[in-house]
Amino acid sequence: MLKPLAHLRLAAVNIDGVMLEDTFSPVIHHFLVSRGCAYTADIERSIFSQPRAIAGRLLAEAIGGTMTGAEALAAYFEERAAYVAAHPVRVSDGAVELLRRLRAAGLSTVCYGGLAKDHFDACLGEYADLFDGPGYLCTDAFRPGLREIAAEFGLAHDRVLVLDDVARVGEEAGRLGMPFVGHPSSFEHSFQRELMWEAGVRHVVDSLHSVDAELLGVLDKEAAASAAGH
Protein backbone atom coordinates (compact mmCIF):
# COMPACT_ATOMS: atom_id res chain seq x y z
CA MET A 1 0.00 0.00 0.00
CA LEU A 2 1.35 3.41 -0.96
CA LYS A 3 2.20 5.85 1.78
CA PRO A 4 0.27 9.14 1.34
CA LEU A 5 2.46 11.94 0.02
CA ALA A 6 3.19 14.80 2.39
CA HIS A 7 3.27 17.80 0.06
CA LEU A 8 1.67 17.14 -3.32
CA ARG A 9 -2.12 17.31 -3.57
CA LEU A 10 -3.03 17.01 -7.27
CA ALA A 11 -1.78 15.16 -10.33
CA ALA A 12 -2.66 16.79 -13.67
CA VAL A 13 -2.34 14.17 -16.40
CA ASN A 14 -2.28 15.08 -20.10
CA ILE A 15 -4.73 13.15 -22.25
CA ASP A 16 -3.00 12.64 -25.64
CA GLY A 17 0.46 11.19 -25.23
CA VAL A 18 0.07 10.22 -21.57
CA MET A 19 -3.37 8.76 -20.88
CA LEU A 20 -3.79 7.91 -24.56
CA GLU A 21 -1.18 6.77 -27.04
CA ASP A 22 0.25 9.54 -29.23
CA THR A 23 -1.83 10.01 -32.38
CA PHE A 24 -0.72 13.60 -33.01
CA SER A 25 3.00 13.34 -33.81
CA PRO A 26 2.62 10.96 -36.78
CA VAL A 27 -0.10 13.11 -38.35
CA ILE A 28 1.73 16.42 -37.87
CA HIS A 29 4.91 14.86 -39.28
CA HIS A 30 3.11 13.50 -42.36
CA PHE A 31 1.15 16.73 -42.86
CA LEU A 32 4.37 18.74 -43.08
CA VAL A 33 6.68 16.30 -44.85
CA SER A 34 4.08 15.41 -47.50
CA ARG A 35 3.89 19.12 -48.36
CA GLY A 36 7.65 19.54 -48.70
CA CYS A 37 8.51 20.90 -45.26
CA ALA A 38 11.68 19.66 -43.57
CA TYR A 39 10.69 18.29 -40.17
CA THR A 40 12.99 19.74 -37.51
CA ALA A 41 13.13 20.11 -33.75
CA ASP A 42 12.41 23.84 -34.12
CA ILE A 43 9.27 23.14 -36.19
CA GLU A 44 8.06 20.57 -33.66
CA ARG A 45 8.83 22.84 -30.70
CA SER A 46 6.90 25.73 -32.23
CA ILE A 47 3.73 23.76 -33.02
CA PHE A 48 3.21 21.32 -30.15
CA SER A 49 0.89 22.26 -27.26
CA GLN A 50 -0.20 25.51 -28.88
CA PRO A 51 -3.80 26.73 -29.04
CA ARG A 52 -5.42 25.32 -32.18
CA ALA A 53 -5.61 28.71 -33.92
CA ILE A 54 -1.89 29.33 -33.41
CA ALA A 55 -0.98 25.78 -34.42
CA GLY A 56 -2.98 26.20 -37.63
CA ARG A 57 -1.17 29.42 -38.49
CA LEU A 58 2.23 27.80 -37.80
CA LEU A 59 1.37 24.77 -39.93
CA ALA A 60 0.36 27.09 -42.78
CA GLU A 61 3.58 29.10 -42.47
CA ALA A 62 5.69 25.93 -42.35
CA ILE A 63 4.35 24.74 -45.71
CA GLY A 64 4.94 28.08 -47.38
CA GLY A 65 1.68 29.93 -46.84
CA THR A 66 -0.29 28.06 -49.50
CA MET A 67 -3.15 27.71 -46.99
CA THR A 68 -4.63 29.98 -44.38
CA GLY A 69 -4.27 28.93 -40.78
CA ALA A 70 -7.89 27.84 -40.66
CA GLU A 71 -7.48 25.80 -43.87
CA ALA A 72 -4.33 24.13 -42.56
CA LEU A 73 -6.06 23.26 -39.29
CA ALA A 74 -9.07 21.81 -41.10
CA ALA A 75 -6.82 19.76 -43.38
CA TYR A 76 -4.82 18.54 -40.41
CA PHE A 77 -7.90 17.34 -38.52
CA GLU A 78 -9.20 15.67 -41.70
CA GLU A 79 -5.91 13.77 -41.98
CA ARG A 80 -5.98 12.93 -38.27
CA ALA A 81 -9.50 11.49 -38.59
CA ALA A 82 -8.27 9.22 -41.39
CA TYR A 83 -5.23 8.21 -39.32
CA VAL A 84 -7.35 7.41 -36.26
CA ALA A 85 -9.75 5.38 -38.40
CA ALA A 86 -6.80 3.19 -39.42
CA HIS A 87 -5.02 3.36 -36.05
CA PRO A 88 -7.70 3.59 -33.32
CA VAL A 89 -6.89 5.63 -30.23
CA ARG A 90 -5.85 3.35 -27.38
CA VAL A 91 -5.38 3.89 -23.67
CA SER A 92 -1.64 3.90 -22.94
CA ASP A 93 -0.08 0.90 -21.28
CA GLY A 94 -0.02 1.51 -17.54
CA ALA A 95 -2.25 4.61 -17.67
CA VAL A 96 -5.11 3.26 -15.59
CA GLU A 97 -2.72 1.68 -13.10
CA LEU A 98 -0.95 5.05 -12.86
CA LEU A 99 -4.20 6.80 -11.94
CA ARG A 100 -4.89 4.24 -9.24
CA ARG A 101 -1.35 4.62 -7.92
CA LEU A 102 -1.65 8.41 -7.80
CA ARG A 103 -4.93 8.20 -5.94
CA ALA A 104 -3.57 5.60 -3.54
CA ALA A 105 -0.81 8.10 -2.73
CA GLY A 106 -3.48 10.58 -1.64
CA LEU A 107 -3.55 12.75 -4.76
CA SER A 108 -6.59 14.10 -6.53
CA THR A 109 -6.36 13.59 -10.30
CA VAL A 110 -7.50 15.61 -13.28
CA CYS A 111 -7.03 15.11 -17.03
CA TYR A 112 -6.36 17.97 -19.44
CA GLY A 113 -5.67 18.61 -23.11
CA GLY A 114 -6.35 20.77 -26.13
CA LEU A 115 -9.40 18.96 -27.50
CA ALA A 116 -12.98 19.34 -26.28
CA LYS A 117 -14.37 17.19 -23.47
CA ASP A 118 -16.17 14.87 -25.87
CA HIS A 119 -12.72 13.46 -26.75
CA PHE A 120 -12.21 12.60 -23.06
CA ASP A 121 -15.71 11.16 -22.77
CA ALA A 122 -15.25 8.95 -25.82
CA CYS A 123 -11.79 7.65 -24.94
CA LEU A 124 -11.70 7.70 -21.14
CA GLY A 125 -15.33 7.94 -20.07
CA GLU A 126 -15.26 4.47 -18.53
CA TYR A 127 -12.53 5.67 -16.17
CA ALA A 128 -14.21 8.97 -15.24
CA ASP A 129 -14.52 7.83 -11.61
CA LEU A 130 -10.72 7.93 -11.34
CA PHE A 131 -10.69 11.72 -11.85
CA ASP A 132 -11.75 14.56 -9.55
CA GLY A 133 -13.40 17.96 -9.91
CA PRO A 134 -14.43 18.57 -13.51
CA GLY A 135 -12.60 15.37 -14.51
CA TYR A 136 -11.27 16.97 -17.69
CA LEU A 137 -10.14 20.51 -18.48
CA CYS A 138 -9.89 21.71 -22.09
CA THR A 139 -6.86 24.01 -22.14
CA ASP A 140 -7.04 25.12 -25.79
CA ALA A 141 -7.88 28.73 -24.90
CA PHE A 142 -4.92 29.08 -22.52
CA ARG A 143 -2.33 26.43 -23.33
CA PRO A 144 -0.36 25.02 -21.70
CA GLY A 145 -2.88 25.82 -18.95
CA LEU A 146 -0.89 24.87 -15.87
CA ARG A 147 -1.71 28.07 -13.95
CA GLU A 148 -5.38 27.56 -14.71
CA ILE A 149 -5.33 23.93 -13.56
CA ALA A 150 -3.81 24.89 -10.21
CA ALA A 151 -6.33 27.72 -9.85
CA GLU A 152 -9.24 25.36 -10.63
CA PHE A 153 -8.32 23.35 -7.55
CA GLY A 154 -7.22 26.33 -5.42
CA LEU A 155 -3.69 25.01 -5.05
CA ALA A 156 -0.24 26.56 -4.97
CA HIS A 157 1.83 25.59 -8.01
CA ASP A 158 4.23 23.44 -5.99
CA ARG A 159 1.34 21.22 -4.87
CA VAL A 160 0.50 20.14 -8.44
CA LEU A 161 2.33 17.31 -10.21
CA VAL A 162 2.15 17.53 -14.01
CA LEU A 163 2.60 14.59 -16.39
CA ASP A 164 2.91 15.49 -20.08
CA ASP A 165 4.54 14.35 -23.31
CA VAL A 166 5.61 17.80 -24.53
CA ALA A 167 8.77 19.68 -23.55
CA ARG A 168 7.04 23.08 -23.82
CA VAL A 169 4.81 22.05 -20.91
CA GLY A 170 7.85 20.96 -18.92
CA GLU A 171 9.43 24.37 -19.50
CA GLU A 172 6.30 26.10 -18.20
CA ALA A 173 6.16 23.77 -15.19
CA GLY A 174 9.76 24.68 -14.41
CA ARG A 175 8.98 28.40 -14.59
CA LEU A 176 6.03 27.96 -12.25
CA GLY A 177 7.80 25.67 -9.79
CA MET A 178 5.54 22.71 -10.56
CA PRO A 179 6.96 19.19 -10.31
CA PHE A 180 6.94 17.56 -13.74
CA VAL A 181 7.34 14.12 -15.28
CA GLY A 182 7.96 13.93 -19.01
CA HIS A 183 6.66 10.97 -21.04
CA PRO A 184 7.95 11.73 -24.56
CA SER A 185 6.48 10.07 -27.62
CA SER A 186 8.10 6.90 -28.96
CA PHE A 187 7.33 8.09 -32.52
CA GLU A 188 10.54 7.64 -34.51
CA HIS A 189 10.65 11.23 -35.78
CA SER A 190 9.77 12.89 -32.45
CA PHE A 191 12.17 15.40 -30.93
CA GLN A 192 10.40 15.67 -27.59
CA ARG A 193 12.90 13.58 -25.64
CA GLU A 194 15.86 15.74 -26.64
CA LEU A 195 13.80 18.91 -26.19
CA MET A 196 12.98 17.83 -22.64
CA TRP A 197 16.64 17.32 -21.83
CA GLU A 198 17.46 20.70 -23.37
CA ALA A 199 14.73 22.24 -21.21
CA GLY A 200 16.28 20.75 -18.09
CA VAL A 201 13.46 18.31 -17.34
CA ARG A 202 14.86 16.06 -14.60
CA HIS A 203 12.32 13.26 -14.62
CA VAL A 204 11.68 11.59 -18.00
CA VAL A 205 10.11 8.13 -18.28
CA ASP A 206 9.59 5.71 -21.17
CA SER A 207 6.86 3.82 -19.34
CA LEU A 208 4.05 5.02 -17.10
CA HIS A 209 4.85 2.04 -14.89
CA SER A 210 8.04 3.92 -13.99
CA VAL A 211 6.00 6.58 -12.18
CA ASP A 212 6.05 4.35 -9.13
CA ALA A 213 6.01 4.86 -5.37
CA GLU A 214 9.74 5.60 -5.33
CA LEU A 215 9.55 8.32 -8.00
CA LEU A 216 6.43 9.84 -6.43
CA GLY A 217 8.28 10.03 -3.12
CA VAL A 218 11.21 11.81 -4.79
CA LEU A 219 8.88 14.28 -6.51
CA ASP A 220 7.05 14.95 -3.26
CA LYS A 221 10.29 15.69 -1.39
CA GLU A 222 11.60 17.89 -4.20
CA ALA A 223 8.38 19.89 -4.28
CA ALA A 224 8.42 20.36 -0.50
CA ALA A 225 12.07 21.44 -0.55
CA SER A 226 11.42 23.87 -3.40
CA ALA A 227 8.46 25.39 -1.56
CA ALA A 228 10.50 25.75 1.62
CA GLY A 229 13.25 27.52 -0.29
CA HIS A 230 10.94 30.27 -1.64
C-alpha atoms as a PDB file:
ATOM      1  CA  MET A   1       0.000   0.000   0.000  1.00  0.00           C
ATOM      2  CA  LEU A   2       1.350   3.414  -0.963  1.00  0.00           C
ATOM      3  CA  LYS A   3       2.205   5.850   1.775  1.00  0.00           C
ATOM      4  CA  PRO A   4       0.270   9.143   1.337  1.00  0.00           C
ATOM      5  CA  LEU A   5       2.460  11.936   0.020  1.00  0.00           C
ATOM      6  CA  ALA A   6       3.194  14.796   2.387  1.00  0.00           C
ATOM      7  CA  HIS A   7       3.271  17.800   0.055  1.00  0.00           C
ATOM      8  CA  LEU A   8       1.673  17.135  -3.324  1.00  0.00           C
ATOM      9  CA  ARG A   9      -2.120  17.309  -3.567  1.00  0.00           C
ATOM     10  CA  LEU A  10      -3.028  17.007  -7.266  1.00  0.00           C
ATOM     11  CA  ALA A  11      -1.776  15.164 -10.330  1.00  0.00           C
ATOM     12  CA  ALA A  12      -2.656  16.789 -13.667  1.00  0.00           C
ATOM     13  CA  VAL A  13      -2.339  14.174 -16.398  1.00  0.00           C
ATOM     14  CA  ASN A  14      -2.280  15.081 -20.096  1.00  0.00           C
ATOM     15  CA  ILE A  15      -4.729  13.147 -22.254  1.00  0.00           C
ATOM     16  CA  ASP A  16      -3.004  12.643 -25.636  1.00  0.00           C
ATOM     17  CA  GLY A  17       0.458  11.186 -25.228  1.00  0.00           C
ATOM     18  CA  VAL A  18       0.068  10.222 -21.570  1.00  0.00           C
ATOM     19  CA  MET A  19      -3.370   8.756 -20.878  1.00  0.00           C
ATOM     20  CA  LEU A  20      -3.791   7.915 -24.560  1.00  0.00           C
ATOM     21  CA  GLU A  21      -1.179   6.768 -27.044  1.00  0.00           C
ATOM     22  CA  ASP A  22       0.251   9.535 -29.233  1.00  0.00           C
ATOM     23  CA  THR A  23      -1.834  10.011 -32.378  1.00  0.00           C
ATOM     24  CA  PHE A  24      -0.723  13.595 -33.014  1.00  0.00           C
ATOM     25  CA  SER A  25       2.997  13.342 -33.808  1.00  0.00           C
ATOM     26  CA  PRO A  26       2.618  10.963 -36.784  1.00  0.00           C
ATOM     27  CA  VAL A  27      -0.095  13.112 -38.352  1.00  0.00           C
ATOM     28  CA  ILE A  28       1.729  16.417 -37.873  1.00  0.00           C
ATOM     29  CA  HIS A  29       4.915  14.860 -39.279  1.00  0.00           C
ATOM     30  CA  HIS A  30       3.106  13.501 -42.362  1.00  0.00           C
ATOM     31  CA  PHE A  31       1.146  16.726 -42.860  1.00  0.00           C
ATOM     32  CA  LEU A  32       4.367  18.739 -43.079  1.00  0.00           C
ATOM     33  CA  VAL A  33       6.676  16.300 -44.854  1.00  0.00           C
ATOM     34  CA  SER A  34       4.080  15.409 -47.498  1.00  0.00           C
ATOM     35  CA  ARG A  35       3.895  19.118 -48.356  1.00  0.00           C
ATOM     36  CA  GLY A  36       7.647  19.538 -48.704  1.00  0.00           C
ATOM     37  CA  CYS A  37       8.514  20.900 -45.262  1.00  0.00           C
ATOM     38  CA  ALA A  38      11.682  19.662 -43.567  1.00  0.00           C
ATOM     39  CA  TYR A  39      10.687  18.293 -40.168  1.00  0.00           C
ATOM     40  CA  THR A  40      12.994  19.736 -37.506  1.00  0.00           C
ATOM     41  CA  ALA A  41      13.126  20.107 -33.746  1.00  0.00           C
ATOM     42  CA  ASP A  42      12.409  23.836 -34.122  1.00  0.00           C
ATOM     43  CA  ILE A  43       9.274  23.138 -36.188  1.00  0.00           C
ATOM     44  CA  GLU A  44       8.059  20.574 -33.659  1.00  0.00           C
ATOM     45  CA  ARG A  45       8.835  22.840 -30.702  1.00  0.00           C
ATOM     46  CA  SER A  46       6.902  25.726 -32.231  1.00  0.00           C
ATOM     47  CA  ILE A  47       3.731  23.759 -33.016  1.00  0.00           C
ATOM     48  CA  PHE A  48       3.209  21.315 -30.149  1.00  0.00           C
ATOM     49  CA  SER A  49       0.888  22.256 -27.256  1.00  0.00           C
ATOM     50  CA  GLN A  50      -0.197  25.507 -28.877  1.00  0.00           C
ATOM     51  CA  PRO A  51      -3.798  26.732 -29.039  1.00  0.00           C
ATOM     52  CA  ARG A  52      -5.416  25.325 -32.180  1.00  0.00           C
ATOM     53  CA  ALA A  53      -5.610  28.707 -33.922  1.00  0.00           C
ATOM     54  CA  ILE A  54      -1.891  29.332 -33.413  1.00  0.00           C
ATOM     55  CA  ALA A  55      -0.975  25.782 -34.425  1.00  0.00           C
ATOM     56  CA  GLY A  56      -2.975  26.198 -37.632  1.00  0.00           C
ATOM     57  CA  ARG A  57      -1.166  29.420 -38.487  1.00  0.00           C
ATOM     58  CA  LEU A  58       2.228  27.795 -37.796  1.00  0.00           C
ATOM     59  CA  LEU A  59       1.368  24.770 -39.933  1.00  0.00           C
ATOM     60  CA  ALA A  60       0.364  27.087 -42.777  1.00  0.00           C
ATOM     61  CA  GLU A  61       3.576  29.100 -42.466  1.00  0.00           C
ATOM     62  CA  ALA A  62       5.694  25.929 -42.353  1.00  0.00           C
ATOM     63  CA  ILE A  63       4.353  24.739 -45.713  1.00  0.00           C
ATOM     64  CA  GLY A  64       4.938  28.083 -47.377  1.00  0.00           C
ATOM     65  CA  GLY A  65       1.684  29.930 -46.837  1.00  0.00           C
ATOM     66  CA  THR A  66      -0.288  28.058 -49.495  1.00  0.00           C
ATOM     67  CA  MET A  67      -3.152  27.710 -46.985  1.00  0.00           C
ATOM     68  CA  THR A  68      -4.633  29.979 -44.376  1.00  0.00           C
ATOM     69  CA  GLY A  69      -4.270  28.930 -40.777  1.00  0.00           C
ATOM     70  CA  ALA A  70      -7.893  27.844 -40.660  1.00  0.00           C
ATOM     71  CA  GLU A  71      -7.485  25.801 -43.866  1.00  0.00           C
ATOM     72  CA  ALA A  72      -4.334  24.130 -42.559  1.00  0.00           C
ATOM     73  CA  LEU A  73      -6.059  23.256 -39.287  1.00  0.00           C
ATOM     74  CA  ALA A  74      -9.070  21.815 -41.103  1.00  0.00           C
ATOM     75  CA  ALA A  75      -6.816  19.758 -43.385  1.00  0.00           C
ATOM     76  CA  TYR A  76      -4.815  18.540 -40.407  1.00  0.00           C
ATOM     77  CA  PHE A  77      -7.905  17.338 -38.521  1.00  0.00           C
ATOM     78  CA  GLU A  78      -9.197  15.669 -41.696  1.00  0.00           C
ATOM     79  CA  GLU A  79      -5.910  13.775 -41.981  1.00  0.00           C
ATOM     80  CA  ARG A  80      -5.984  12.929 -38.275  1.00  0.00           C
ATOM     81  CA  ALA A  81      -9.498  11.493 -38.593  1.00  0.00           C
ATOM     82  CA  ALA A  82      -8.265   9.220 -41.388  1.00  0.00           C
ATOM     83  CA  TYR A  83      -5.231   8.211 -39.319  1.00  0.00           C
ATOM     84  CA  VAL A  84      -7.346   7.412 -36.259  1.00  0.00           C
ATOM     85  CA  ALA A  85      -9.750   5.383 -38.404  1.00  0.00           C
ATOM     86  CA  ALA A  86      -6.797   3.190 -39.420  1.00  0.00           C
ATOM     87  CA  HIS A  87      -5.019   3.363 -36.050  1.00  0.00           C
ATOM     88  CA  PRO A  88      -7.699   3.589 -33.324  1.00  0.00           C
ATOM     89  CA  VAL A  89      -6.889   5.629 -30.230  1.00  0.00           C
ATOM     90  CA  ARG A  90      -5.850   3.350 -27.380  1.00  0.00           C
ATOM     91  CA  VAL A  91      -5.376   3.886 -23.666  1.00  0.00           C
ATOM     92  CA  SER A  92      -1.642   3.897 -22.936  1.00  0.00           C
ATOM     93  CA  ASP A  93      -0.077   0.896 -21.277  1.00  0.00           C
ATOM     94  CA  GLY A  94      -0.020   1.508 -17.545  1.00  0.00           C
ATOM     95  CA  ALA A  95      -2.252   4.610 -17.667  1.00  0.00           C
ATOM     96  CA  VAL A  96      -5.114   3.256 -15.586  1.00  0.00           C
ATOM     97  CA  GLU A  97      -2.717   1.683 -13.103  1.00  0.00           C
ATOM     98  CA  LEU A  98      -0.953   5.054 -12.860  1.00  0.00           C
ATOM     99  CA  LEU A  99      -4.203   6.796 -11.937  1.00  0.00           C
ATOM    100  CA  ARG A 100      -4.890   4.239  -9.235  1.00  0.00           C
ATOM    101  CA  ARG A 101      -1.345   4.624  -7.920  1.00  0.00           C
ATOM    102  CA  LEU A 102      -1.646   8.414  -7.804  1.00  0.00           C
ATOM    103  CA  ARG A 103      -4.929   8.203  -5.940  1.00  0.00           C
ATOM    104  CA  ALA A 104      -3.566   5.603  -3.536  1.00  0.00           C
ATOM    105  CA  ALA A 105      -0.812   8.097  -2.732  1.00  0.00           C
ATOM    106  CA  GLY A 106      -3.478  10.579  -1.642  1.00  0.00           C
ATOM    107  CA  LEU A 107      -3.550  12.749  -4.759  1.00  0.00           C
ATOM    108  CA  SER A 108      -6.586  14.105  -6.528  1.00  0.00           C
ATOM    109  CA  THR A 109      -6.356  13.589 -10.296  1.00  0.00           C
ATOM    110  CA  VAL A 110      -7.504  15.612 -13.283  1.00  0.00           C
ATOM    111  CA  CYS A 111      -7.027  15.113 -17.029  1.00  0.00           C
ATOM    112  CA  TYR A 112      -6.360  17.966 -19.443  1.00  0.00           C
ATOM    113  CA  GLY A 113      -5.666  18.606 -23.113  1.00  0.00           C
ATOM    114  CA  GLY A 114      -6.350  20.768 -26.134  1.00  0.00           C
ATOM    115  CA  LEU A 115      -9.402  18.961 -27.502  1.00  0.00           C
ATOM    116  CA  ALA A 116     -12.975  19.337 -26.277  1.00  0.00           C
ATOM    117  CA  LYS A 117     -14.371  17.194 -23.472  1.00  0.00           C
ATOM    118  CA  ASP A 118     -16.172  14.865 -25.870  1.00  0.00           C
ATOM    119  CA  HIS A 119     -12.719  13.457 -26.749  1.00  0.00           C
ATOM    120  CA  PHE A 120     -12.207  12.599 -23.063  1.00  0.00           C
ATOM    121  CA  ASP A 121     -15.707  11.163 -22.771  1.00  0.00           C
ATOM    122  CA  ALA A 122     -15.249   8.947 -25.823  1.00  0.00           C
ATOM    123  CA  CYS A 123     -11.790   7.650 -24.943  1.00  0.00           C
ATOM    124  CA  LEU A 124     -11.697   7.704 -21.142  1.00  0.00           C
ATOM    125  CA  GLY A 125     -15.328   7.937 -20.068  1.00  0.00           C
ATOM    126  CA  GLU A 126     -15.256   4.471 -18.533  1.00  0.00           C
ATOM    127  CA  TYR A 127     -12.527   5.668 -16.172  1.00  0.00           C
ATOM    128  CA  ALA A 128     -14.208   8.972 -15.235  1.00  0.00           C
ATOM    129  CA  ASP A 129     -14.521   7.829 -11.613  1.00  0.00           C
ATOM    130  CA  LEU A 130     -10.722   7.934 -11.340  1.00  0.00           C
ATOM    131  CA  PHE A 131     -10.692  11.715 -11.846  1.00  0.00           C
ATOM    132  CA  ASP A 132     -11.747  14.556  -9.552  1.00  0.00           C
ATOM    133  CA  GLY A 133     -13.405  17.961  -9.906  1.00  0.00           C
ATOM    134  CA  PRO A 134     -14.430  18.574 -13.509  1.00  0.00           C
ATOM    135  CA  GLY A 135     -12.604  15.374 -14.508  1.00  0.00           C
ATOM    136  CA  TYR A 136     -11.266  16.967 -17.689  1.00  0.00           C
ATOM    137  CA  LEU A 137     -10.137  20.506 -18.482  1.00  0.00           C
ATOM    138  CA  CYS A 138      -9.885  21.710 -22.087  1.00  0.00           C
ATOM    139  CA  THR A 139      -6.864  24.015 -22.142  1.00  0.00           C
ATOM    140  CA  ASP A 140      -7.039  25.117 -25.790  1.00  0.00           C
ATOM    141  CA  ALA A 141      -7.876  28.728 -24.900  1.00  0.00           C
ATOM    142  CA  PHE A 142      -4.922  29.084 -22.516  1.00  0.00           C
ATOM    143  CA  ARG A 143      -2.331  26.434 -23.329  1.00  0.00           C
ATOM    144  CA  PRO A 144      -0.361  25.020 -21.704  1.00  0.00           C
ATOM    145  CA  GLY A 145      -2.877  25.824 -18.954  1.00  0.00           C
ATOM    146  CA  LEU A 146      -0.888  24.870 -15.868  1.00  0.00           C
ATOM    147  CA  ARG A 147      -1.710  28.073 -13.953  1.00  0.00           C
ATOM    148  CA  GLU A 148      -5.379  27.561 -14.708  1.00  0.00           C
ATOM    149  CA  ILE A 149      -5.331  23.927 -13.562  1.00  0.00           C
ATOM    150  CA  ALA A 150      -3.815  24.894 -10.206  1.00  0.00           C
ATOM    151  CA  ALA A 151      -6.330  27.721  -9.848  1.00  0.00           C
ATOM    152  CA  GLU A 152      -9.243  25.362 -10.635  1.00  0.00           C
ATOM    153  CA  PHE A 153      -8.316  23.352  -7.548  1.00  0.00           C
ATOM    154  CA  GLY A 154      -7.224  26.333  -5.422  1.00  0.00           C
ATOM    155  CA  LEU A 155      -3.690  25.013  -5.048  1.00  0.00           C
ATOM    156  CA  ALA A 156      -0.237  26.556  -4.972  1.00  0.00           C
ATOM    157  CA  HIS A 157       1.833  25.593  -8.007  1.00  0.00           C
ATOM    158  CA  ASP A 158       4.231  23.443  -5.987  1.00  0.00           C
ATOM    159  CA  ARG A 159       1.339  21.224  -4.871  1.00  0.00           C
ATOM    160  CA  VAL A 160       0.502  20.141  -8.435  1.00  0.00           C
ATOM    161  CA  LEU A 161       2.328  17.309 -10.208  1.00  0.00           C
ATOM    162  CA  VAL A 162       2.148  17.531 -14.009  1.00  0.00           C
ATOM    163  CA  LEU A 163       2.604  14.594 -16.394  1.00  0.00           C
ATOM    164  CA  ASP A 164       2.906  15.489 -20.082  1.00  0.00           C
ATOM    165  CA  ASP A 165       4.545  14.346 -23.305  1.00  0.00           C
ATOM    166  CA  VAL A 166       5.614  17.804 -24.534  1.00  0.00           C
ATOM    167  CA  ALA A 167       8.769  19.684 -23.547  1.00  0.00           C
ATOM    168  CA  ARG A 168       7.036  23.082 -23.816  1.00  0.00           C
ATOM    169  CA  VAL A 169       4.807  22.047 -20.905  1.00  0.00           C
ATOM    170  CA  GLY A 170       7.848  20.959 -18.916  1.00  0.00           C
ATOM    171  CA  GLU A 171       9.426  24.367 -19.500  1.00  0.00           C
ATOM    172  CA  GLU A 172       6.305  26.097 -18.198  1.00  0.00           C
ATOM    173  CA  ALA A 173       6.163  23.768 -15.189  1.00  0.00           C
ATOM    174  CA  GLY A 174       9.758  24.682 -14.413  1.00  0.00           C
ATOM    175  CA  ARG A 175       8.981  28.404 -14.588  1.00  0.00           C
ATOM    176  CA  LEU A 176       6.029  27.957 -12.249  1.00  0.00           C
ATOM    177  CA  GLY A 177       7.800  25.674  -9.787  1.00  0.00           C
ATOM    178  CA  MET A 178       5.537  22.709 -10.563  1.00  0.00           C
ATOM    179  CA  PRO A 179       6.960  19.194 -10.314  1.00  0.00           C
ATOM    180  CA  PHE A 180       6.935  17.560 -13.741  1.00  0.00           C
ATOM    181  CA  VAL A 181       7.344  14.118 -15.277  1.00  0.00           C
ATOM    182  CA  GLY A 182       7.964  13.930 -19.015  1.00  0.00           C
ATOM    183  CA  HIS A 183       6.664  10.975 -21.038  1.00  0.00           C
ATOM    184  CA  PRO A 184       7.947  11.727 -24.558  1.00  0.00           C
ATOM    185  CA  SER A 185       6.480  10.070 -27.623  1.00  0.00           C
ATOM    186  CA  SER A 186       8.102   6.905 -28.961  1.00  0.00           C
ATOM    187  CA  PHE A 187       7.329   8.089 -32.517  1.00  0.00           C
ATOM    188  CA  GLU A 188      10.544   7.639 -34.510  1.00  0.00           C
ATOM    189  CA  HIS A 189      10.649  11.231 -35.784  1.00  0.00           C
ATOM    190  CA  SER A 190       9.773  12.885 -32.455  1.00  0.00           C
ATOM    191  CA  PHE A 191      12.170  15.404 -30.935  1.00  0.00           C
ATOM    192  CA  GLN A 192      10.396  15.673 -27.589  1.00  0.00           C
ATOM    193  CA  ARG A 193      12.898  13.581 -25.635  1.00  0.00           C
ATOM    194  CA  GLU A 194      15.858  15.739 -26.637  1.00  0.00           C
ATOM    195  CA  LEU A 195      13.805  18.908 -26.194  1.00  0.00           C
ATOM    196  CA  MET A 196      12.977  17.831 -22.639  1.00  0.00           C
ATOM    197  CA  TRP A 197      16.637  17.320 -21.826  1.00  0.00           C
ATOM    198  CA  GLU A 198      17.461  20.701 -23.366  1.00  0.00           C
ATOM    199  CA  ALA A 199      14.725  22.240 -21.208  1.00  0.00           C
ATOM    200  CA  GLY A 200      16.276  20.748 -18.092  1.00  0.00           C
ATOM    201  CA  VAL A 201      13.455  18.311 -17.339  1.00  0.00           C
ATOM    202  CA  ARG A 202      14.862  16.064 -14.601  1.00  0.00           C
ATOM    203  CA  HIS A 203      12.322  13.257 -14.619  1.00  0.00           C
ATOM    204  CA  VAL A 204      11.685  11.585 -17.997  1.00  0.00           C
ATOM    205  CA  VAL A 205      10.113   8.127 -18.276  1.00  0.00           C
ATOM    206  CA  ASP A 206       9.593   5.714 -21.168  1.00  0.00           C
ATOM    207  CA  SER A 207       6.860   3.818 -19.343  1.00  0.00           C
ATOM    208  CA  LEU A 208       4.053   5.016 -17.103  1.00  0.00           C
ATOM    209  CA  HIS A 209       4.846   2.036 -14.887  1.00  0.00           C
ATOM    210  CA  SER A 210       8.039   3.922 -13.986  1.00  0.00           C
ATOM    211  CA  VAL A 211       6.002   6.584 -12.181  1.00  0.00           C
ATOM    212  CA  ASP A 212       6.052   4.352  -9.126  1.00  0.00           C
ATOM    213  CA  ALA A 213       6.011   4.855  -5.369  1.00  0.00           C
ATOM    214  CA  GLU A 214       9.742   5.602  -5.330  1.00  0.00           C
ATOM    215  CA  LEU A 215       9.554   8.320  -7.996  1.00  0.00           C
ATOM    216  CA  LEU A 216       6.434   9.837  -6.432  1.00  0.00           C
ATOM    217  CA  GLY A 217       8.285  10.027  -3.123  1.00  0.00           C
ATOM    218  CA  VAL A 218      11.209  11.807  -4.794  1.00  0.00           C
ATOM    219  CA  LEU A 219       8.877  14.276  -6.509  1.00  0.00           C
ATOM    220  CA  ASP A 220       7.055  14.948  -3.255  1.00  0.00           C
ATOM    221  CA  LYS A 221      10.288  15.685  -1.390  1.00  0.00           C
ATOM    222  CA  GLU A 222      11.603  17.889  -4.199  1.00  0.00           C
ATOM    223  CA  ALA A 223       8.380  19.893  -4.282  1.00  0.00           C
ATOM    224  CA  ALA A 224       8.423  20.362  -0.495  1.00  0.00           C
ATOM    225  CA  ALA A 225      12.066  21.442  -0.555  1.00  0.00           C
ATOM    226  CA  SER A 226      11.424  23.872  -3.397  1.00  0.00           C
ATOM    227  CA  ALA A 227       8.457  25.393  -1.556  1.00  0.00           C
ATOM    228  CA  ALA A 228      10.498  25.750   1.617  1.00  0.00           C
ATOM    229  CA  GLY A 229      13.247  27.525  -0.286  1.00  0.00           C
ATOM    230  CA  HIS A 230      10.945  30.265  -1.644  1.00  0.00           C
END
